[in-house]
């Protein structure tokens, strides 16, 4: 708990900031109370009609799990770029640039120059 002497020592700006924090806390508590009351009322109403609140909130069947594919991640793709100085160095264009690509770009070459034709 903040003592009166501590409040007296605070500047107006500090007091206003404290007031905002207190108001936010109070608002959060009142929202929580309202939510609790609403849940109690809904539970009673559901029970009156022979259901539980969980049964009413269920989507009516098994929960559907959406599986997301990995897209192109992890799949091998053919190389698109090749080092003109060392043709054995190739790159698909995915991920970070290899050092040889950065070096070629620094020498003034473009990505188009590095493309495999």
C-alpha atoms as a PDB file:
ATOM      1  CA  UNK A   1       0.000   0.000   0.000  1.00  0.00           C
ATOM      2  CA  UNK A   2       1.297   3.439  -0.867  1.00  0.00           C
ATOM      3  CA  UNK A   3       1.637   5.828   2.055  1.00  0.00           C
ATOM      4  CA  UNK A   4       0.339   9.387   1.936  1.00  0.00           C
ATOM      5  CA  UNK A   5       3.874  10.738   2.316  1.00  0.00           C
ATOM      6  CA  UNK A   6       4.934   8.794  -0.796  1.00  0.00           C
ATOM      7  CA  UNK A   7       1.995  10.235  -2.729  1.00  0.00           C
ATOM      8  CA  UNK A   8       2.891  13.748  -1.570  1.00  0.00           C
ATOM      9  CA  UNK A   9       6.449  13.277  -2.849  1.00  0.00           C
ATOM     10  CA  UNK A  10       5.262  12.313  -6.366  1.00  0.00           C
ATOM     11  CA  UNK A  11       5.016  14.772  -9.239  1.00  0.00           C
ATOM     12  CA  UNK A  12       1.737  15.436 -11.012  1.00  0.00           C
ATOM     13  CA  UNK A  13       2.885  13.330 -13.990  1.00  0.00           C
ATOM     14  CA  UNK A  14       3.770  10.412 -11.716  1.00  0.00           C
ATOM     15  CA  UNK A  15       0.405  10.669  -9.961  1.00  0.00           C
ATOM     16  CA  UNK A  16      -1.460  10.697 -13.276  1.00  0.00           C
ATOM     17  CA  UNK A  17       0.473   7.619 -14.436  1.00  0.00           C
ATOM     18  CA  UNK A  18      -0.363   5.873 -11.167  1.00  0.00           C
ATOM     19  CA  UNK A  19      -4.016   6.838 -11.574  1.00  0.00           C
ATOM     20  CA  UNK A  20      -4.076   5.300 -15.070  1.00  0.00           C
ATOM     21  CA  UNK A  21      -2.604   2.047 -13.740  1.00  0.00           C
ATOM     22  CA  UNK A  22      -5.141   1.917 -10.920  1.00  0.00           C
ATOM     23  CA  UNK A  23      -8.027   2.621 -13.314  1.00  0.00           C
ATOM     24  CA  UNK A  24      -6.837  -0.109 -15.684  1.00  0.00           C
ATOM     25  CA  UNK A  25      -6.673  -2.591 -12.803  1.00  0.00           C
ATOM     26  CA  UNK A  26     -10.170  -1.658 -11.651  1.00  0.00           C
ATOM     27  CA  UNK A  27     -11.560  -1.966 -15.171  1.00  0.00           C
ATOM     28  CA  UNK A  28     -10.010  -5.421 -15.498  1.00  0.00           C
ATOM     29  CA  UNK A  29     -11.565  -6.538 -12.245  1.00  0.00           C
ATOM     30  CA  UNK A  30     -15.012  -5.297 -13.208  1.00  0.00           C
ATOM     31  CA  UNK A  31     -14.738  -7.116 -16.562  1.00  0.00           C
ATOM     32  CA  UNK A  32     -13.818 -10.295 -14.711  1.00  0.00           C
ATOM     33  CA  UNK A  33     -16.822  -9.962 -12.406  1.00  0.00           C
ATOM     34  CA  UNK A  34     -19.150  -9.387 -15.374  1.00  0.00           C
ATOM     35  CA  UNK A  35     -17.740 -12.419 -17.186  1.00  0.00           C
ATOM     36  CA  UNK A  36     -18.182 -14.607 -14.119  1.00  0.00           C
ATOM     37  CA  UNK A  37     -21.802 -13.498 -13.706  1.00  0.00           C
ATOM     38  CA  UNK A  38     -22.494 -14.158 -17.386  1.00  0.00           C
ATOM     39  CA  UNK A  39     -20.991 -17.658 -17.185  1.00  0.00           C
ATOM     40  CA  UNK A  40     -23.104 -18.474 -14.122  1.00  0.00           C
ATOM     41  CA  UNK A  41     -26.270 -17.282 -15.891  1.00  0.00           C
ATOM     42  CA  UNK A  42     -25.444 -19.215 -19.055  1.00  0.00           C
ATOM     43  CA  UNK A  43     -24.692 -22.366 -17.054  1.00  0.00           C
ATOM     44  CA  UNK A  44     -28.062 -22.136 -15.285  1.00  0.00           C
ATOM     45  CA  UNK A  45     -29.886 -21.570 -18.575  1.00  0.00           C
ATOM     46  CA  UNK A  46     -28.126 -24.512 -20.237  1.00  0.00           C
ATOM     47  CA  UNK A  47     -28.928 -26.758 -17.256  1.00  0.00           C
ATOM     48  CA  UNK A  48     -32.587 -25.680 -17.433  1.00  0.00           C
ATOM     49  CA  UNK A  49     -32.687 -27.006 -21.005  1.00  0.00           C
ATOM     50  CA  UNK A  50     -30.850 -30.231 -20.154  1.00  0.00           C
ATOM     51  CA  UNK A  51     -27.382 -29.360 -21.377  1.00  0.00           C
ATOM     52  CA  UNK A  52     -24.053 -28.465 -19.908  1.00  0.00           C
ATOM     53  CA  UNK A  53     -22.327 -25.306 -21.034  1.00  0.00           C
ATOM     54  CA  UNK A  54     -19.535 -27.427 -22.545  1.00  0.00           C
ATOM     55  CA  UNK A  55     -22.048 -29.364 -24.657  1.00  0.00           C
ATOM     56  CA  UNK A  56     -23.478 -26.147 -26.047  1.00  0.00           C
ATOM     57  CA  UNK A  57     -20.070 -24.694 -26.785  1.00  0.00           C
ATOM     58  CA  UNK A  58     -18.971 -27.852 -28.631  1.00  0.00           C
ATOM     59  CA  UNK A  59     -19.045 -27.533 -32.420  1.00  0.00           C
ATOM     60  CA  UNK A  60     -21.447 -30.473 -32.666  1.00  0.00           C
ATOM     61  CA  UNK A  61     -18.958 -33.153 -33.567  1.00  0.00           C
ATOM     62  CA  UNK A  62     -15.381 -34.120 -33.384  1.00  0.00           C
ATOM     63  CA  UNK A  63     -12.995 -31.253 -33.262  1.00  0.00           C
ATOM     64  CA  UNK A  64     -11.439 -30.677 -36.605  1.00  0.00           C
ATOM     65  CA  UNK A  65      -7.701 -30.488 -36.712  1.00  0.00           C
ATOM     66  CA  UNK A  66      -6.299 -28.539 -39.597  1.00  0.00           C
ATOM     67  CA  UNK A  67      -3.002 -29.919 -40.767  1.00  0.00           C
ATOM     68  CA  UNK A  68      -0.819 -27.529 -42.589  1.00  0.00           C
ATOM     69  CA  UNK A  69       1.511 -28.743 -45.245  1.00  0.00           C
ATOM     70  CA  UNK A  70       5.145 -27.875 -45.177  1.00  0.00           C
ATOM     71  CA  UNK A  71       4.940 -26.225 -48.571  1.00  0.00           C
ATOM     72  CA  UNK A  72       8.280 -26.334 -50.329  1.00  0.00           C
ATOM     73  CA  UNK A  73      10.276 -26.485 -47.119  1.00  0.00           C
ATOM     74  CA  UNK A  74      12.443 -29.580 -46.991  1.00  0.00           C
ATOM     75  CA  UNK A  75      11.918 -30.490 -50.632  1.00  0.00           C
ATOM     76  CA  UNK A  76      14.845 -30.703 -52.993  1.00  0.00           C
ATOM     77  CA  UNK A  77      14.705 -28.261 -55.863  1.00  0.00           C
ATOM     78  CA  UNK A  78      17.101 -27.984 -58.773  1.00  0.00           C
ATOM     79  CA  UNK A  79      19.781 -25.294 -58.581  1.00  0.00           C
ATOM     80  CA  UNK A  80      19.052 -21.975 -60.291  1.00  0.00           C
ATOM     81  CA  UNK A  81      22.396 -20.248 -59.805  1.00  0.00           C
ATOM     82  CA  UNK A  82      25.992 -21.255 -60.453  1.00  0.00           C
ATOM     83  CA  UNK A  83      29.343 -19.686 -59.619  1.00  0.00           C
ATOM     84  CA  UNK A  84      30.951 -18.593 -62.929  1.00  0.00           C
ATOM     85  CA  UNK A  85      34.452 -19.069 -61.464  1.00  0.00           C
ATOM     86  CA  UNK A  86      33.764 -22.496 -59.988  1.00  0.00           C
ATOM     87  CA  UNK A  87      30.905 -24.279 -61.820  1.00  0.00           C
ATOM     88  CA  UNK A  88      30.666 -26.969 -59.136  1.00  0.00           C
ATOM     89  CA  UNK A  89      29.215 -24.372 -56.724  1.00  0.00           C
ATOM     90  CA  UNK A  90      25.462 -24.224 -57.278  1.00  0.00           C
ATOM     91  CA  UNK A  91      22.543 -22.801 -55.335  1.00  0.00           C
ATOM     92  CA  UNK A  92      18.768 -23.281 -55.555  1.00  0.00           C
ATOM     93  CA  UNK A  93      17.975 -19.693 -54.580  1.00  0.00           C
ATOM     94  CA  UNK A  94      16.352 -20.693 -51.282  1.00  0.00           C
ATOM     95  CA  UNK A  95      17.646 -19.651 -47.886  1.00  0.00           C
ATOM     96  CA  UNK A  96      20.565 -17.343 -47.217  1.00  0.00           C
ATOM     97  CA  UNK A  97      22.912 -16.416 -50.008  1.00  0.00           C
ATOM     98  CA  UNK A  98      26.026 -18.590 -50.072  1.00  0.00           C
ATOM     99  CA  UNK A  99      29.320 -16.755 -49.608  1.00  0.00           C
ATOM    100  CA  UNK A 100      30.206 -17.167 -53.277  1.00  0.00           C
ATOM    101  CA  UNK A 101      26.948 -15.387 -54.267  1.00  0.00           C
ATOM    102  CA  UNK A 102      27.684 -12.488 -51.916  1.00  0.00           C
ATOM    103  CA  UNK A 103      31.238 -12.279 -53.280  1.00  0.00           C
ATOM    104  CA  UNK A 104      30.006 -12.288 -56.892  1.00  0.00           C
ATOM    105  CA  UNK A 105      27.454  -9.570 -56.137  1.00  0.00           C
ATOM    106  CA  UNK A 106      30.180  -7.511 -54.448  1.00  0.00           C
ATOM    107  CA  UNK A 107      32.272  -7.825 -57.635  1.00  0.00           C
ATOM    108  CA  UNK A 108      29.423  -6.232 -59.588  1.00  0.00           C
ATOM    109  CA  UNK A 109      27.704  -9.309 -61.013  1.00  0.00           C
ATOM    110  CA  UNK A 110      23.914  -9.548 -60.849  1.00  0.00           C
ATOM    111  CA  UNK A 111      21.729 -12.497 -59.915  1.00  0.00           C
ATOM    112  CA  UNK A 112      20.806 -12.700 -63.593  1.00  0.00           C
ATOM    113  CA  UNK A 113      24.515 -13.174 -64.410  1.00  0.00           C
ATOM    114  CA  UNK A 114      24.658 -16.124 -61.999  1.00  0.00           C
ATOM    115  CA  UNK A 115      21.573 -17.887 -63.372  1.00  0.00           C
ATOM    116  CA  UNK A 116      22.059 -21.318 -64.899  1.00  0.00           C
ATOM    117  CA  UNK A 117      21.032 -21.236 -68.555  1.00  0.00           C
END
